[in-house]
Amino acid sequence: MADQETMPGCLLITGTPGAGKTTVSQLVAERLPRAARVDGDVFGSMLVSGRATMIDEEGRWNPGPEGQRQLRLRMVNLCSVADNFADGGFAPVADTVVETREELRFIAGLLRVRPLMLVVLCPPLEVARQRNATRAPETRVDYDVAPLARNQRRELGDLGWWLDSGEQTPEETADLIVVEAARRAMVPEGALRA
């Protein structure tokens, strides 16, 4: 469907849980001639013991200092693997939750491959909640994603491509990203400086 020139650099797909990151990133990678999907959740699951609790006593996303350190470690590994695939001639299609501009700057500071393209999947919250509710129990989140969605919009709203995929199939979303990301999702280098 596309050649490698249509997907330069690293494509980073983010959004709330239930937005469709995992499904869409897989479909995007399948549509490119040489691509690798780099799943941020995999790096968290590699922590066999000592893994921080990311949810507080009230059931809210609140990783605390150790959780934040482990999230940064995930990002370090995600970026390293993405760069390794890019060095090997494969377009990295990464998916992970990026909530703040500081996190995006951290990722951009680690990634060697350029340009960085950011796609924020932002279906309506009720769609993301319904998708999350129908996922397998081991991948479902049990906290309210609304505060995360609000913070993403506040922190990252002027960066990348905000794609409302609420009325699209995952295949339609992936097709659109393959065709449009290089034009619509580029993150200017200047926007990533503190």
Protein backbone atom coordinates (compact mmCIF):
# COMPACT_ATOMS: atom_id res chain seq x y z
CA MET A 1 0.00 0.00 0.00
CA ALA A 2 2.84 2.42 0.76
CA ASP A 3 6.58 2.57 0.32
CA GLN A 4 9.02 3.39 3.06
CA GLU A 5 9.34 6.99 1.89
CA THR A 6 5.72 7.58 2.96
CA MET A 7 6.60 6.73 6.58
CA PRO A 8 9.93 8.35 7.42
CA GLY A 9 11.35 8.39 10.91
CA CYS A 10 9.44 7.03 13.89
CA LEU A 11 5.67 6.97 14.19
CA LEU A 12 4.49 7.23 17.80
CA ILE A 13 0.83 6.36 18.39
CA THR A 14 -0.67 7.35 21.72
CA GLY A 15 -4.03 7.93 23.36
CA THR A 16 -5.92 6.75 26.40
CA PRO A 17 -6.49 3.09 27.17
CA GLY A 18 -9.23 1.94 24.81
CA ALA A 19 -8.32 4.48 22.12
CA GLY A 20 -7.05 1.72 19.82
CA LYS A 21 -3.27 2.11 20.01
CA THR A 22 -2.40 -1.58 20.03
CA THR A 23 -4.73 -2.61 17.23
CA VAL A 24 -4.04 0.39 15.01
CA SER A 25 -0.25 0.32 15.42
CA GLN A 26 -0.22 -3.36 14.42
CA LEU A 27 -2.34 -2.62 11.33
CA VAL A 28 -0.18 0.36 10.35
CA ALA A 29 3.00 -1.73 10.61
CA GLU A 30 1.39 -4.48 8.50
CA ARG A 31 0.63 -1.95 5.75
CA LEU A 32 4.24 -0.79 5.38
CA PRO A 33 6.81 -2.77 3.38
CA ARG A 34 9.37 -2.88 6.22
CA ALA A 35 8.08 -1.98 9.65
CA ALA A 36 8.31 -3.11 13.26
CA ARG A 37 5.71 -2.51 15.96
CA VAL A 38 7.26 -1.45 19.26
CA ASP A 39 4.75 -1.91 22.09
CA GLY A 40 5.48 0.11 25.24
CA ASP A 41 3.39 -2.25 27.37
CA VAL A 42 5.76 -5.12 26.59
CA PHE A 43 8.54 -3.37 28.48
CA GLY A 44 6.34 -3.04 31.55
CA SER A 45 5.41 -6.72 31.42
CA MET A 46 9.11 -7.64 31.41
CA LEU A 47 9.36 -6.40 35.00
CA VAL A 48 8.84 -9.71 36.77
CA SER A 49 9.38 -8.60 40.35
CA GLY A 50 9.55 -5.20 41.99
CA ARG A 51 7.05 -3.70 39.57
CA ALA A 52 5.53 -0.49 40.94
CA THR A 53 1.82 -0.08 41.53
CA MET A 54 0.54 2.59 39.18
CA ILE A 55 -2.91 2.96 40.77
CA ASP A 56 -3.45 4.73 44.10
CA GLU A 57 -5.78 3.72 46.94
CA GLU A 58 -8.70 5.61 45.34
CA GLY A 59 -8.30 3.67 42.08
CA ARG A 60 -6.76 6.55 40.14
CA TRP A 61 -3.74 6.48 37.87
CA ASN A 62 -1.00 7.79 40.15
CA PRO A 63 2.34 6.01 39.68
CA GLY A 64 4.34 7.82 42.38
CA PRO A 65 8.14 8.26 42.25
CA GLU A 66 9.04 4.59 41.72
CA GLY A 67 6.27 4.19 39.16
CA GLN A 68 7.52 7.28 37.30
CA ARG A 69 11.05 5.86 37.31
CA GLN A 70 9.79 2.59 35.86
CA LEU A 71 7.72 4.41 33.22
CA ARG A 72 10.87 6.29 32.15
CA LEU A 73 12.72 2.97 31.98
CA ARG A 74 10.00 1.67 29.65
CA MET A 75 10.47 4.75 27.46
CA VAL A 76 14.25 4.26 27.39
CA ASN A 77 13.77 0.70 26.17
CA LEU A 78 11.07 1.67 23.68
CA CYS A 79 13.34 4.30 22.13
CA SER A 80 16.36 2.01 22.03
CA VAL A 81 14.41 -0.74 20.27
CA ALA A 82 12.81 1.75 17.85
CA ASP A 83 16.25 3.11 16.94
CA ASN A 84 17.62 -0.41 16.49
CA PHE A 85 14.82 -1.29 14.08
CA ALA A 86 15.32 1.99 12.20
CA ASP A 87 19.06 1.26 11.95
CA GLY A 88 18.13 -2.11 10.46
CA GLY A 89 15.92 -0.55 7.80
CA PHE A 90 12.53 -1.04 9.46
CA ALA A 91 10.14 1.82 10.10
CA PRO A 92 9.38 1.82 13.86
CA VAL A 93 5.70 2.12 14.73
CA ALA A 94 5.65 2.64 18.50
CA ASP A 95 2.62 2.67 20.74
CA THR A 96 2.55 3.79 24.34
CA VAL A 97 0.68 6.20 26.54
CA VAL A 98 2.30 9.64 26.49
CA GLU A 99 0.53 11.97 28.87
CA THR A 100 2.70 15.07 29.12
CA ARG A 101 4.93 17.29 27.04
CA GLU A 102 7.77 16.40 29.42
CA GLU A 103 7.31 12.70 28.58
CA LEU A 104 7.27 13.49 24.86
CA ARG A 105 10.44 15.57 25.22
CA PHE A 106 12.06 12.70 27.12
CA ILE A 107 11.21 10.29 24.30
CA ALA A 108 12.35 12.72 21.62
CA GLY A 109 15.62 13.28 23.47
CA LEU A 110 16.33 9.55 23.45
CA LEU A 111 15.24 8.71 19.92
CA ARG A 112 17.90 9.12 17.26
CA VAL A 113 15.58 8.36 14.35
CA ARG A 114 13.89 11.40 12.85
CA PRO A 115 11.47 12.80 12.12
CA LEU A 116 9.21 12.02 15.04
CA MET A 117 5.55 11.75 14.09
CA LEU A 118 2.90 11.78 16.80
CA VAL A 119 -0.62 10.46 16.29
CA VAL A 120 -2.97 10.85 19.23
CA LEU A 121 -5.97 8.57 18.85
CA CYS A 122 -8.79 10.49 20.52
CA PRO A 123 -12.16 8.83 20.07
CA PRO A 124 -14.92 10.18 22.32
CA LEU A 125 -14.42 9.04 25.92
CA GLU A 126 -17.53 6.86 25.83
CA VAL A 127 -16.08 4.98 22.84
CA ALA A 128 -12.71 4.48 24.58
CA ARG A 129 -14.49 3.33 27.75
CA GLN A 130 -16.62 0.84 25.80
CA ARG A 131 -13.57 -0.52 23.96
CA ASN A 132 -11.72 -0.87 27.25
CA ALA A 133 -14.68 -2.67 28.86
CA THR A 134 -14.74 -5.29 26.08
CA ARG A 135 -11.02 -6.09 26.24
CA ALA A 136 -9.58 -9.20 27.82
CA PRO A 137 -9.30 -8.82 31.62
CA GLU A 138 -5.49 -8.82 31.55
CA THR A 139 -5.41 -5.81 29.20
CA ARG A 140 -8.34 -3.88 30.67
CA VAL A 141 -7.69 -0.86 32.89
CA ASP A 142 -9.84 -0.24 35.94
CA TYR A 143 -9.34 3.49 36.37
CA ASP A 144 -11.21 6.42 34.84
CA VAL A 145 -9.39 7.55 31.69
CA ALA A 146 -11.05 11.00 31.62
CA PRO A 147 -8.32 12.77 33.67
CA LEU A 148 -5.66 11.26 31.38
CA ALA A 149 -7.54 12.40 28.28
CA ARG A 150 -7.90 15.94 29.68
CA ASN A 151 -4.22 16.11 30.60
CA GLN A 152 -3.12 14.80 27.20
CA ARG A 153 -5.23 17.48 25.48
CA ARG A 154 -3.86 20.21 27.76
CA GLU A 155 -0.23 19.10 27.46
CA LEU A 156 -0.02 17.85 23.87
CA GLY A 157 -3.01 19.47 22.16
CA ASP A 158 -0.91 21.61 19.83
CA LEU A 159 1.41 18.79 18.76
CA GLY A 160 1.07 16.01 16.22
CA TRP A 161 -2.15 14.77 14.68
CA TRP A 162 -5.22 14.36 16.88
CA LEU A 163 -7.28 11.71 15.14
CA ASP A 164 -10.85 11.02 16.25
CA SER A 165 -11.19 7.35 15.34
CA GLY A 166 -14.50 6.90 17.12
CA GLU A 167 -16.54 6.27 13.98
CA GLN A 168 -13.82 4.46 12.03
CA THR A 169 -12.88 0.82 11.95
CA PRO A 170 -9.30 0.07 13.01
CA GLU A 171 -8.54 -0.73 9.36
CA GLU A 172 -9.86 2.66 8.21
CA THR A 173 -7.82 4.40 10.89
CA ALA A 174 -4.65 2.52 9.90
CA ASP A 175 -5.18 3.26 6.20
CA LEU A 176 -5.58 6.95 6.94
CA ILE A 177 -2.46 7.05 9.12
CA VAL A 178 -0.34 5.36 6.46
CA VAL A 179 -1.45 7.89 3.85
CA GLU A 180 -1.49 11.06 5.99
CA ALA A 181 0.94 10.73 8.91
CA ALA A 182 4.02 12.01 7.11
CA ARG A 183 2.09 15.17 6.27
CA ARG A 184 -0.05 15.67 9.38
CA ALA A 185 1.79 14.15 12.35
CA MET A 186 5.28 15.65 12.22
CA VAL A 187 6.44 17.13 15.52
CA PRO A 188 8.68 20.16 14.89
CA GLU A 189 12.05 19.88 16.61
CA GLY A 190 11.60 23.32 18.18
CA ALA A 191 8.41 22.18 19.91
CA LEU A 192 10.39 19.54 21.78
CA ARG A 193 12.84 21.91 23.42
CA ALA A 194 12.20 22.96 27.01
